[in-house]
Amino acid sequence: MKRILLPAAGLALAMAVLPVHAKGDPEKGKALFYTCTGCHGIADYKNAYPSYRVPKVGGQNEQYLIAALTAYRNGDRKHPTMKAQAESFSDQEIADIAAYLASLKPATSN
């Protein structure tokens, strides 16, 4: 019995300390995402330097988007433009953007 309770207690504790994300508002996220469409809204868009294809992010998993934008904001993911963009967003705004993008159909290219 103790063998079962100890792992279960550990799992419950781990779940309790996970960050709680705000519920995103897709309509607010759509307005916030407007400035991002110059790169992420163009099919097969490639950055000038260094040359790489910019991903279309519509249809991505909401929690993944929250984690990615938060990591850019905190400097855990390295990309100067994305860091600058993400630094301007609050947790709620990141949740709003993620909710909007997750509500879209996935991109067929990229």
PDB file of N, CA and C in Angstrom:
ATOM      1  N   MET A   1       0.817  -1.191   0.000  1.00  0.00           N
ATOM      2  CA  MET A   1       0.000   0.000   0.000  1.00  0.00           C
ATOM      3  C   MET A   1       0.868   1.264   0.000  1.00  0.00           C
ATOM      4  N   LYS A   2       1.943   1.273   0.801  1.00  0.00           N
ATOM      5  CA  LYS A   2       2.821   2.429   0.853  1.00  0.00           C
ATOM      6  C   LYS A   2       3.510   2.662  -0.482  1.00  0.00           C
ATOM      7  N   ARG A   3       3.784   1.580  -1.223  1.00  0.00           N
ATOM      8  CA  ARG A   3       4.426   1.710  -2.531  1.00  0.00           C
ATOM      9  C   ARG A   3       3.548   2.475  -3.508  1.00  0.00           C
ATOM     10  N   ILE A   4       2.270   2.368  -3.371  1.00  0.00           N
ATOM     11  CA  ILE A   4       1.343   3.058  -4.262  1.00  0.00           C
ATOM     12  C   ILE A   4       1.125   4.497  -3.808  1.00  0.00           C
ATOM     13  N   LEU A   5       1.023   4.719  -2.508  1.00  0.00           N
ATOM     14  CA  LEU A   5       0.720   6.051  -1.994  1.00  0.00           C
ATOM     15  C   LEU A   5       1.856   7.040  -2.197  1.00  0.00           C
ATOM     16  N   LEU A   6       3.085   6.616  -2.050  1.00  0.00           N
ATOM     17  CA  LEU A   6       4.208   7.530  -2.188  1.00  0.00           C
ATOM     18  C   LEU A   6       4.304   8.114  -3.598  1.00  0.00           C
ATOM     19  N   PRO A   7       4.289   7.298  -4.672  1.00  0.00           N
ATOM     20  CA  PRO A   7       4.310   7.898  -6.014  1.00  0.00           C
ATOM     21  C   PRO A   7       3.075   8.751  -6.300  1.00  0.00           C
ATOM     22  N   ALA A   8       1.926   8.330  -5.814  1.00  0.00           N
ATOM     23  CA  ALA A   8       0.704   9.102  -6.032  1.00  0.00           C
ATOM     24  C   ALA A   8       0.794  10.452  -5.333  1.00  0.00           C
ATOM     25  N   ALA A   9       1.349  10.476  -4.139  1.00  0.00           N
ATOM     26  CA  ALA A   9       1.515  11.734  -3.409  1.00  0.00           C
ATOM     27  C   ALA A   9       2.508  12.637  -4.130  1.00  0.00           C
ATOM     28  N   GLY A  10       3.561  12.053  -4.649  1.00  0.00           N
ATOM     29  CA  GLY A  10       4.551  12.829  -5.398  1.00  0.00           C
ATOM     30  C   GLY A  10       3.947  13.442  -6.647  1.00  0.00           C
ATOM     31  N   LEU A  11       3.137  12.687  -7.351  1.00  0.00           N
ATOM     32  CA  LEU A  11       2.471  13.189  -8.554  1.00  0.00           C
ATOM     33  C   LEU A  11       1.502  14.314  -8.203  1.00  0.00           C
ATOM     34  N   ALA A  12       0.746  14.137  -7.138  1.00  0.00           N
ATOM     35  CA  ALA A  12      -0.201  15.169  -6.711  1.00  0.00           C
ATOM     36  C   ALA A  12       0.537  16.457  -6.348  1.00  0.00           C
ATOM     37  N   LEU A  13       1.667  16.340  -5.677  1.00  0.00           N
ATOM     38  CA  LEU A  13       2.453  17.511  -5.318  1.00  0.00           C
ATOM     39  C   LEU A  13       3.006  18.200  -6.559  1.00  0.00           C
ATOM     40  N   ALA A  14       3.494  17.412  -7.501  1.00  0.00           N
ATOM     41  CA  ALA A  14       4.033  17.982  -8.740  1.00  0.00           C
ATOM     42  C   ALA A  14       2.946  18.730  -9.510  1.00  0.00           C
ATOM     43  N   MET A  15       1.759  18.181  -9.574  1.00  0.00           N
ATOM     44  CA  MET A  15       0.652  18.834 -10.281  1.00  0.00           C
ATOM     45  C   MET A  15       0.240  20.127  -9.577  1.00  0.00           C
ATOM     46  N   ALA A  16       0.361  20.149  -8.261  1.00  0.00           N
ATOM     47  CA  ALA A  16      -0.050  21.327  -7.502  1.00  0.00           C
ATOM     48  C   ALA A  16       0.885  22.507  -7.731  1.00  0.00           C
ATOM     49  N   VAL A  17       2.139  22.258  -8.056  1.00  0.00           N
ATOM     50  CA  VAL A  17       3.088  23.353  -8.236  1.00  0.00           C
ATOM     51  C   VAL A  17       3.247  23.780  -9.688  1.00  0.00           C
ATOM     52  N   LEU A  18       2.564  23.118 -10.610  1.00  0.00           N
ATOM     53  CA  LEU A  18       2.623  23.536 -12.009  1.00  0.00           C
ATOM     54  C   LEU A  18       2.009  24.922 -12.145  1.00  0.00           C
ATOM     55  N   PRO A  19       2.558  25.742 -13.046  1.00  0.00           N
ATOM     56  CA  PRO A  19       1.990  27.079 -13.212  1.00  0.00           C
ATOM     57  C   PRO A  19       0.560  27.013 -13.741  1.00  0.00           C
ATOM     58  N   VAL A  20      -0.253  27.906 -13.257  1.00  0.00           N
ATOM     59  CA  VAL A  20      -1.632  27.995 -13.721  1.00  0.00           C
ATOM     60  C   VAL A  20      -1.680  29.107 -14.766  1.00  0.00           C
ATOM     61  N   HIS A  21      -2.198  28.782 -15.936  1.00  0.00           N
ATOM     62  CA  HIS A  21      -2.258  29.759 -17.013  1.00  0.00           C
ATOM     63  C   HIS A  21      -3.641  30.387 -17.069  1.00  0.00           C
ATOM     64  N   ALA A  22      -3.638  31.651 -17.366  1.00  0.00           N
ATOM     65  CA  ALA A  22      -4.895  32.371 -17.505  1.00  0.00           C
ATOM     66  C   ALA A  22      -5.659  31.844 -18.707  1.00  0.00           C
ATOM     67  N   LYS A  23      -6.956  31.931 -18.633  1.00  0.00           N
ATOM     68  CA  LYS A  23      -7.810  31.542 -19.758  1.00  0.00           C
ATOM     69  C   LYS A  23      -7.713  32.635 -20.806  1.00  0.00           C
ATOM     70  N   GLY A  24      -7.377  32.226 -22.024  1.00  0.00           N
ATOM     71  CA  GLY A  24      -7.188  33.202 -23.091  1.00  0.00           C
ATOM     72  C   GLY A  24      -8.485  33.599 -23.780  1.00  0.00           C
ATOM     73  N   ASP A  25      -8.518  34.810 -24.259  1.00  0.00           N
ATOM     74  CA  ASP A  25      -9.642  35.354 -25.012  1.00  0.00           C
ATOM     75  C   ASP A  25      -9.215  35.457 -26.479  1.00  0.00           C
ATOM     76  N   PRO A  26      -9.751  34.586 -27.351  1.00  0.00           N
ATOM     77  CA  PRO A  26      -9.334  34.585 -28.752  1.00  0.00           C
ATOM     78  C   PRO A  26      -9.543  35.919 -29.472  1.00  0.00           C
ATOM     79  N   GLU A  27     -10.602  36.658 -29.135  1.00  0.00           N
ATOM     80  CA  GLU A  27     -10.847  37.945 -29.792  1.00  0.00           C
ATOM     81  C   GLU A  27      -9.760  38.964 -29.442  1.00  0.00           C
ATOM     82  N   LYS A  28      -9.379  39.001 -28.181  1.00  0.00           N
ATOM     83  CA  LYS A  28      -8.291  39.898 -27.788  1.00  0.00           C
ATOM     84  C   LYS A  28      -6.979  39.433 -28.410  1.00  0.00           C
ATOM     85  N   GLY A  29      -6.799  38.107 -28.469  1.00  0.00           N
ATOM     86  CA  GLY A  29      -5.590  37.552 -29.068  1.00  0.00           C
ATOM     87  C   GLY A  29      -5.462  37.886 -30.538  1.00  0.00           C
ATOM     88  N   LYS A  30      -6.587  37.903 -31.238  1.00  0.00           N
ATOM     89  CA  LYS A  30      -6.569  38.256 -32.666  1.00  0.00           C
ATOM     90  C   LYS A  30      -6.043  39.673 -32.856  1.00  0.00           C
ATOM     91  N   ALA A  31      -6.498  40.591 -32.026  1.00  0.00           N
ATOM     92  CA  ALA A  31      -6.036  41.976 -32.122  1.00  0.00           C
ATOM     93  C   ALA A  31      -4.548  42.083 -31.782  1.00  0.00           C
ATOM     94  N   LEU A  32      -4.097  41.347 -30.785  1.00  0.00           N
ATOM     95  CA  LEU A  32      -2.684  41.377 -30.398  1.00  0.00           C
ATOM     96  C   LEU A  32      -1.790  40.736 -31.447  1.00  0.00           C
ATOM     97  N   PHE A  33      -2.280  39.717 -32.124  1.00  0.00           N
ATOM     98  CA  PHE A  33      -1.489  38.983 -33.112  1.00  0.00           C
ATOM     99  C   PHE A  33      -1.290  39.781 -34.403  1.00  0.00           C
ATOM    100  N   TYR A  34      -2.047  40.843 -34.576  1.00  0.00           N
ATOM    101  CA  TYR A  34      -1.996  41.622 -35.810  1.00  0.00           C
ATOM    102  C   TYR A  34      -0.564  41.987 -36.203  1.00  0.00           C
ATOM    103  N   THR A  35       0.242  42.415 -35.253  1.00  0.00           N
ATOM    104  CA  THR A  35       1.619  42.809 -35.580  1.00  0.00           C
ATOM    105  C   THR A  35       2.502  41.615 -35.932  1.00  0.00           C
ATOM    106  N   CYS A  36       2.076  40.415 -35.620  1.00  0.00           N
ATOM    107  CA  CYS A  36       2.859  39.204 -35.888  1.00  0.00           C
ATOM    108  C   CYS A  36       2.622  38.660 -37.301  1.00  0.00           C
ATOM    109  N   THR A  37       1.547  39.104 -37.936  1.00  0.00           N
ATOM    110  CA  THR A  37       1.189  38.542 -39.243  1.00  0.00           C
ATOM    111  C   THR A  37       2.197  38.877 -40.328  1.00  0.00           C
ATOM    112  N   GLY A  38       2.986  39.933 -40.137  1.00  0.00           N
ATOM    113  CA  GLY A  38       4.001  40.289 -41.124  1.00  0.00           C
ATOM    114  C   GLY A  38       5.013  39.178 -41.346  1.00  0.00           C
ATOM    115  N   CYS A  39       5.241  38.353 -40.354  1.00  0.00           N
ATOM    116  CA  CYS A  39       6.157  37.210 -40.497  1.00  0.00           C
ATOM    117  C   CYS A  39       5.405  35.879 -40.470  1.00  0.00           C
ATOM    118  N   HIS A  40       4.516  35.731 -39.490  1.00  0.00           N
ATOM    119  CA  HIS A  40       3.867  34.433 -39.280  1.00  0.00           C
ATOM    120  C   HIS A  40       2.596  34.237 -40.086  1.00  0.00           C
ATOM    121  N   GLY A  41       2.185  35.229 -40.855  1.00  0.00           N
ATOM    122  CA  GLY A  41       0.958  35.101 -41.620  1.00  0.00           C
ATOM    123  C   GLY A  41       1.164  35.017 -43.117  1.00  0.00           C
ATOM    124  N   ILE A  42       2.401  34.911 -43.555  1.00  0.00           N
ATOM    125  CA  ILE A  42       2.703  34.877 -44.981  1.00  0.00           C
ATOM    126  C   ILE A  42       3.178  33.480 -45.364  1.00  0.00           C
ATOM    127  N   ALA A  43       2.481  32.852 -46.287  1.00  0.00           N
ATOM    128  CA  ALA A  43       2.854  31.484 -46.704  1.00  0.00           C
ATOM    129  C   ALA A  43       4.265  31.469 -47.273  1.00  0.00           C
ATOM    130  N   ASP A  44       5.051  30.523 -46.813  1.00  0.00           N
ATOM    131  CA  ASP A  44       6.426  30.297 -47.282  1.00  0.00           C
ATOM    132  C   ASP A  44       7.345  31.509 -47.104  1.00  0.00           C
ATOM    133  N   TYR A  45       7.055  32.351 -46.112  1.00  0.00           N
ATOM    134  CA  TYR A  45       7.901  33.507 -45.841  1.00  0.00           C
ATOM    135  C   TYR A  45       9.250  33.036 -45.303  1.00  0.00           C
ATOM    136  N   LYS A  46      10.318  33.623 -45.822  1.00  0.00           N
ATOM    137  CA  LYS A  46      11.664  33.314 -45.352  1.00  0.00           C
ATOM    138  C   LYS A  46      12.300  34.586 -44.826  1.00  0.00           C
ATOM    139  N   ASN A  47      12.905  34.458 -43.677  1.00  0.00           N
ATOM    140  CA  ASN A  47      13.628  35.572 -43.082  1.00  0.00           C
ATOM    141  C   ASN A  47      14.840  35.887 -43.952  1.00  0.00           C
ATOM    142  N   ALA A  48      15.193  37.166 -44.055  1.00  0.00           N
ATOM    143  CA  ALA A  48      16.311  37.575 -44.919  1.00  0.00           C
ATOM    144  C   ALA A  48      17.653  37.078 -44.396  1.00  0.00           C
ATOM    145  N   TYR A  49      17.923  37.282 -43.111  1.00  0.00           N
ATOM    146  CA  TYR A  49      19.196  36.830 -42.562  1.00  0.00           C
ATOM    147  C   TYR A  49      19.015  36.509 -41.095  1.00  0.00           C
ATOM    148  N   PRO A  50      19.403  35.377 -40.627  1.00  0.00           N
ATOM    149  CA  PRO A  50      19.794  34.245 -41.465  1.00  0.00           C
ATOM    150  C   PRO A  50      18.570  33.704 -42.173  1.00  0.00           C
ATOM    151  N   SER A  51      18.779  33.113 -43.306  1.00  0.00           N
ATOM    152  CA  SER A  51      17.663  32.642 -44.114  1.00  0.00           C
ATOM    153  C   SER A  51      17.055  31.372 -43.514  1.00  0.00           C
ATOM    154  N   TYR A  52      15.813  31.446 -43.140  1.00  0.00           N
ATOM    155  CA  TYR A  52      15.062  30.283 -42.677  1.00  0.00           C
ATOM    156  C   TYR A  52      13.586  30.558 -42.888  1.00  0.00           C
ATOM    157  N   ARG A  53      12.833  29.506 -42.991  1.00  0.00           N
ATOM    158  CA  ARG A  53      11.390  29.635 -43.189  1.00  0.00           C
ATOM    159  C   ARG A  53      10.732  29.963 -41.849  1.00  0.00           C
ATOM    160  N   VAL A  54       9.943  31.012 -41.827  1.00  0.00           N
ATOM    161  CA  VAL A  54       9.238  31.417 -40.615  1.00  0.00           C
ATOM    162  C   VAL A  54       7.990  30.541 -40.484  1.00  0.00           C
ATOM    163  N   PRO A  55       7.795  29.914 -39.327  1.00  0.00           N
ATOM    164  CA  PRO A  55       6.646  29.012 -39.186  1.00  0.00           C
ATOM    165  C   PRO A  55       5.323  29.762 -39.113  1.00  0.00           C
ATOM    166  N   LYS A  56       4.309  29.198 -39.755  1.00  0.00           N
ATOM    167  CA  LYS A  56       2.949  29.686 -39.565  1.00  0.00           C
ATOM    168  C   LYS A  56       2.466  29.007 -38.286  1.00  0.00           C
ATOM    169  N   VAL A  57       1.935  29.762 -37.371  1.00  0.00           N
ATOM    170  CA  VAL A  57       1.644  29.243 -36.038  1.00  0.00           C
ATOM    171  C   VAL A  57       0.158  28.983 -35.788  1.00  0.00           C
ATOM    172  N   GLY A  58      -0.681  29.277 -36.754  1.00  0.00           N
ATOM    173  CA  GLY A  58      -2.102  29.010 -36.596  1.00  0.00           C
ATOM    174  C   GLY A  58      -2.373  27.521 -36.459  1.00  0.00           C
ATOM    175  N   GLY A  59      -3.220  27.174 -35.499  1.00  0.00           N
ATOM    176  CA  GLY A  59      -3.574  25.776 -35.280  1.00  0.00           C
ATOM    177  C   GLY A  59      -2.651  25.037 -34.325  1.00  0.00           C
ATOM    178  N   GLN A  60      -1.634  25.717 -33.813  1.00  0.00           N
ATOM    179  CA  GLN A  60      -0.739  25.077 -32.848  1.00  0.00           C
ATOM    180  C   GLN A  60      -1.472  24.835 -31.528  1.00  0.00           C
ATOM    181  N   ASN A  61      -0.922  23.949 -30.718  1.00  0.00           N
ATOM    182  CA  ASN A  61      -1.461  23.645 -29.403  1.00  0.00           C
ATOM    183  C   ASN A  61      -1.356  24.874 -28.494  1.00  0.00           C
ATOM    184  N   GLU A  62      -2.432  25.199 -27.815  1.00  0.00           N
ATOM    185  CA  GLU A  62      -2.490  26.407 -26.983  1.00  0.00           C
ATOM    186  C   GLU A  62      -1.423  26.411 -25.891  1.00  0.00           C
ATOM    187  N   GLN A  63      -1.266  25.305 -25.184  1.00  0.00           N
ATOM    188  CA  GLN A  63      -0.275  25.256 -24.102  1.00  0.00           C
ATOM    189  C   GLN A  63       1.152  25.349 -24.639  1.00  0.00           C
ATOM    190  N   TYR A  64       1.391  24.779 -25.814  1.00  0.00           N
ATOM    191  CA  TYR A  64       2.710  24.900 -26.443  1.00  0.00           C
ATOM    192  C   TYR A  64       3.007  26.368 -26.760  1.00  0.00           C
ATOM    193  N   LEU A  65       2.028  27.069 -27.323  1.00  0.00           N
ATOM    194  CA  LEU A  65       2.213  28.476 -27.666  1.00  0.00           C
ATOM    195  C   LEU A  65       2.484  29.326 -26.430  1.00  0.00           C
ATOM    196  N   ILE A  66       1.760  29.061 -25.358  1.00  0.00           N
ATOM    197  CA  ILE A  66       1.993  29.785 -24.102  1.00  0.00           C
ATOM    198  C   ILE A  66       3.415  29.530 -23.613  1.00  0.00           C
ATOM    199  N   ALA A  67       3.825  28.268 -23.638  1.00  0.00           N
ATOM    200  CA  ALA A  67       5.174  27.925 -23.176  1.00  0.00           C
ATOM    201  C   ALA A  67       6.242  28.581 -24.058  1.00  0.00           C
ATOM    202  N   ALA A  68       6.035  28.561 -25.376  1.00  0.00           N
ATOM    203  CA  ALA A  68       7.025  29.124 -26.291  1.00  0.00           C
ATOM    204  C   ALA A  68       7.136  30.639 -26.126  1.00  0.00           C
ATOM    205  N   LEU A  69       6.010  31.341 -26.101  1.00  0.00           N
ATOM    206  CA  LEU A  69       6.053  32.798 -25.952  1.00  0.00           C
ATOM    207  C   LEU A  69       6.634  33.211 -24.599  1.00  0.00           C
ATOM    208  N   THR A  70       6.286  32.463 -23.568  1.00  0.00           N
ATOM    209  CA  THR A  70       6.838  32.751 -22.243  1.00  0.00           C
ATOM    210  C   THR A  70       8.344  32.519 -22.229  1.00  0.00           C
ATOM    211  N   ALA A  71       8.796  31.461 -22.897  1.00  0.00           N
ATOM    212  CA  ALA A  71      10.235  31.170 -22.960  1.00  0.00           C
ATOM    213  C   ALA A  71      10.981  32.257 -23.745  1.00  0.00           C
ATOM    214  N   TYR A  72      10.397  32.756 -24.823  1.00  0.00           N
ATOM    215  CA  TYR A  72      11.021  33.873 -25.552  1.00  0.00           C
ATOM    216  C   TYR A  72      11.097  35.107 -24.646  1.00  0.00           C
ATOM    217  N   ARG A  73      10.003  35.386 -23.960  1.00  0.00           N
ATOM    218  CA  ARG A  73       9.956  36.560 -23.083  1.00  0.00           C
ATOM    219  C   ARG A  73      11.009  36.475 -21.975  1.00  0.00           C
ATOM    220  N   ASN A  74      11.188  35.275 -21.427  1.00  0.00           N
ATOM    221  CA  ASN A  74      12.134  35.078 -20.322  1.00  0.00           C
ATOM    222  C   ASN A  74      13.570  34.885 -20.785  1.00  0.00           C
ATOM    223  N   GLY A  75      13.777  34.769 -22.096  1.00  0.00           N
ATOM    224  CA  GLY A  75      15.123  34.562 -22.613  1.00  0.00           C
ATOM    225  C   GLY A  75      15.563  33.110 -22.639  1.00  0.00           C
ATOM    226  N   ASP A  76      14.654  32.185 -22.339  1.00  0.00           N
ATOM    227  CA  ASP A  76      14.984  30.761 -22.370  1.00  0.00           C
ATOM    228  C   ASP A  76      15.047  30.224 -23.796  1.00  0.00           C
ATOM    229  N   ARG A  77      14.327  30.847 -24.699  1.00  0.00           N
ATOM    230  CA  ARG A  77      14.429  30.560 -26.134  1.00  0.00           C
ATOM    231  C   ARG A  77      15.089  31.766 -26.770  1.00  0.00           C
ATOM    232  N   LYS A  78      16.043  31.515 -27.631  1.00  0.00           N
ATOM    233  CA  LYS A  78      16.861  32.594 -28.177  1.00  0.00           C
ATOM    234  C   LYS A  78      16.414  32.993 -29.578  1.00  0.00           C
ATOM    235  N   HIS A  79      15.897  34.188 -29.696  1.00  0.00           N
ATOM    236  CA  HIS A  79      15.598  34.805 -30.976  1.00  0.00           C
ATOM    237  C   HIS A  79      15.327  36.269 -30.678  1.00  0.00           C
ATOM    238  N   PRO A  80      16.199  37.173 -31.120  1.00  0.00           N
ATOM    239  CA  PRO A  80      16.070  38.585 -30.730  1.00  0.00           C
ATOM    240  C   PRO A  80      14.721  39.216 -31.057  1.00  0.00           C
ATOM    241  N   THR A  81      14.195  38.963 -32.239  1.00  0.00           N
ATOM    242  CA  THR A  81      12.916  39.570 -32.611  1.00  0.00           C
ATOM    243  C   THR A  81      11.780  39.015 -31.765  1.00  0.00           C
ATOM    244  N   MET A  82      11.772  37.701 -31.590  1.00  0.00           N
ATOM    245  CA  MET A  82      10.714  37.089 -30.786  1.00  0.00           C
ATOM    246  C   MET A  82      10.817  37.526 -29.325  1.00  0.00           C
ATOM    247  N   LYS A  83      12.019  37.655 -28.807  1.00  0.00           N
ATOM    248  CA  LYS A  83      12.187  38.125 -27.428  1.00  0.00           C
ATOM    249  C   LYS A  83      11.636  39.538 -27.288  1.00  0.00           C
ATOM    250  N   ALA A  84      11.966  40.408 -28.232  1.00  0.00           N
ATOM    251  CA  ALA A  84      11.480  41.785 -28.177  1.00  0.00           C
ATOM    252  C   ALA A  84       9.952  41.831 -28.233  1.00  0.00           C
ATOM    253  N   GLN A  85       9.365  41.022 -29.086  1.00  0.00           N
ATOM    254  CA  GLN A  85       7.906  40.980 -29.185  1.00  0.00           C
ATOM    255  C   GLN A  85       7.301  40.444 -27.891  1.00  0.00           C
ATOM    256  N   ALA A  86       7.807  39.310 -27.432  1.00  0.00           N
ATOM    257  CA  ALA A  86       7.217  38.643 -26.270  1.00  0.00           C
ATOM    258  C   ALA A  86       7.380  39.450 -24.988  1.00  0.00           C
ATOM    259  N   GLU A  87       8.458  40.223 -24.891  1.00  0.00           N
ATOM    260  CA  GLU A  87       8.669  41.038 -23.690  1.00  0.00           C
ATOM    261  C   GLU A  87       7.571  42.071 -23.489  1.00  0.00           C
ATOM    262  N   SER A  88       6.896  42.420 -24.554  1.00  0.00           N
ATOM    263  CA  SER A  88       5.843  43.431 -24.448  1.00  0.00           C
ATOM    264  C   SER A  88       4.510  42.841 -23.992  1.00  0.00           C
ATOM    265  N   PHE A  89       4.421  41.517 -23.881  1.00  0.00           N
ATOM    266  CA  PHE A  89       3.156  40.865 -23.538  1.00  0.00           C
ATOM    267  C   PHE A  89       3.107  40.430 -22.076  1.00  0.00           C
ATOM    268  N   SER A  90       1.960  40.628 -21.459  1.00  0.00           N
ATOM    269  CA  SER A  90       1.693  40.102 -20.115  1.00  0.00           C
ATOM    270  C   SER A  90       1.328  38.626 -20.238  1.00  0.00           C
ATOM    271  N   ASP A  91       1.231  37.941 -19.104  1.00  0.00           N
ATOM    272  CA  ASP A  91       0.779  36.540 -19.114  1.00  0.00           C
ATOM    273  C   ASP A  91      -0.599  36.430 -19.757  1.00  0.00           C
ATOM    274  N   GLN A  92      -1.489  37.368 -19.430  1.00  0.00           N
ATOM    275  CA  GLN A  92      -2.845  37.325 -19.994  1.00  0.00           C
ATOM    276  C   GLN A  92      -2.813  37.530 -21.498  1.00  0.00           C
ATOM    277  N   GLU A  93      -1.998  38.441 -21.976  1.00  0.00           N
ATOM    278  CA  GLU A  93      -1.913  38.681 -23.418  1.00  0.00           C
ATOM    279  C   GLU A  93      -1.332  37.473 -24.141  1.00  0.00           C
ATOM    280  N   ILE A  94      -0.366  36.821 -23.546  1.00  0.00           N
ATOM    281  CA  ILE A  94       0.177  35.588 -24.137  1.00  0.00           C
ATOM    282  C   ILE A  94      -0.916  34.531 -24.207  1.00  0.00           C
ATOM    283  N   ALA A  95      -1.703  34.398 -23.145  1.00  0.00           N
ATOM    284  CA  ALA A  95      -2.816  33.438 -23.149  1.00  0.00           C
ATOM    285  C   ALA A  95      -3.842  33.797 -24.221  1.00  0.00           C
ATOM    286  N   ASP A  96      -4.103  35.089 -24.407  1.00  0.00           N
ATOM    287  CA  ASP A  96      -5.058  35.533 -25.429  1.00  0.00           C
ATOM    288  C   ASP A  96      -4.553  35.182 -26.827  1.00  0.00           C
ATOM    289  N   ILE A  97      -3.276  35.463 -27.094  1.00  0.00           N
ATOM    290  CA  ILE A  97      -2.688  35.146 -28.406  1.00  0.00           C
ATOM    291  C   ILE A  97      -2.733  33.648 -28.652  1.00  0.00           C
ATOM    292  N   ALA A  98      -2.366  32.870 -27.644  1.00  0.00           N
ATOM    293  CA  ALA A  98      -2.370  31.406 -27.783  1.00  0.00           C
ATOM    294  C   ALA A  98      -3.776  30.883 -28.046  1.00  0.00           C
ATOM    295  N   ALA A  99      -4.763  31.439 -27.363  1.00  0.00           N
ATOM    296  CA  ALA A  99      -6.154  31.006 -27.574  1.00  0.00           C
ATOM    297  C   ALA A  99      -6.596  31.311 -29.001  1.00  0.00           C
ATOM    298  N   TYR A 100      -6.232  32.483 -29.505  1.00  0.00           N
ATOM    299  CA  TYR A 100      -6.581  32.839 -30.882  1.00  0.00           C
ATOM    300  C   TYR A 100      -5.910  31.893 -31.876  1.00  0.00           C
ATOM    301  N   LEU A 101      -4.611  31.713 -31.746  1.00  0.00           N
ATOM    302  CA  LEU A 101      -3.883  30.869 -32.704  1.00  0.00           C
ATOM    303  C   LEU A 101      -4.356  29.423 -32.654  1.00  0.00           C
ATOM    304  N   ALA A 102      -4.640  28.925 -31.465  1.00  0.00           N
ATOM    305  CA  ALA A 102      -5.117  27.551 -31.331  1.00  0.00           C
ATOM    306  C   ALA A 102      -6.493  27.355 -31.964  1.00  0.00           C
ATOM    307  N   SER A 103      -7.253  28.449 -32.080  1.00  0.00           N
ATOM    308  CA  SER A 103      -8.601  28.342 -32.671  1.00  0.00           C
ATOM    309  C   SER A 103      -8.575  28.290 -34.192  1.00  0.00           C
ATOM    310  N   LEU A 104      -7.424  28.587 -34.799  1.00  0.00           N
ATOM    311  CA  LEU A 104      -7.297  28.591 -36.256  1.00  0.00           C
ATOM    312  C   LEU A 104      -7.046  27.190 -36.792  1.00  0.00           C
ATOM    313  N   LYS A 105      -7.307  26.997 -38.069  1.00  0.00           N
ATOM    314  CA  LYS A 105      -6.972  25.729 -38.712  1.00  0.00           C
ATOM    315  C   LYS A 105      -5.467  25.676 -38.901  1.00  0.00           C
ATOM    316  N   PRO A 106      -4.876  24.492 -38.738  1.00  0.00           N
ATOM    317  CA  PRO A 106      -3.423  24.383 -38.951  1.00  0.00           C
ATOM    318  C   PRO A 106      -3.027  24.772 -40.375  1.00  0.00           C
ATOM    319  N   ALA A 107      -1.835  25.345 -40.476  1.00  0.00           N
ATOM    320  CA  ALA A 107      -1.308  25.735 -41.785  1.00  0.00           C
ATOM    321  C   ALA A 107      -1.029  24.508 -42.625  1.00  0.00           C
ATOM    322  N   THR A 108      -1.230  24.614 -43.918  1.00  0.00           N
ATOM    323  CA  THR A 108      -0.971  23.474 -44.813  1.00  0.00           C
ATOM    324  C   THR A 108       0.443  23.500 -45.347  1.00  0.00           C
ATOM    325  N   SER A 109       1.108  24.662 -45.286  1.00  0.00           N
ATOM    326  CA  SER A 109       2.511  24.728 -45.687  1.00  0.00           C
ATOM    327  C   SER A 109       3.338  25.130 -44.487  1.00  0.00           C
ATOM    328  N   ASN A 110       4.664  24.929 -44.587  1.00  0.00           N
ATOM    329  CA  ASN A 110       5.640  25.180 -43.525  1.00  0.00           C
ATOM    330  C   ASN A 110       5.660  24.005 -42.624  1.00  0.00           C
TER     331      ASN A 110
END
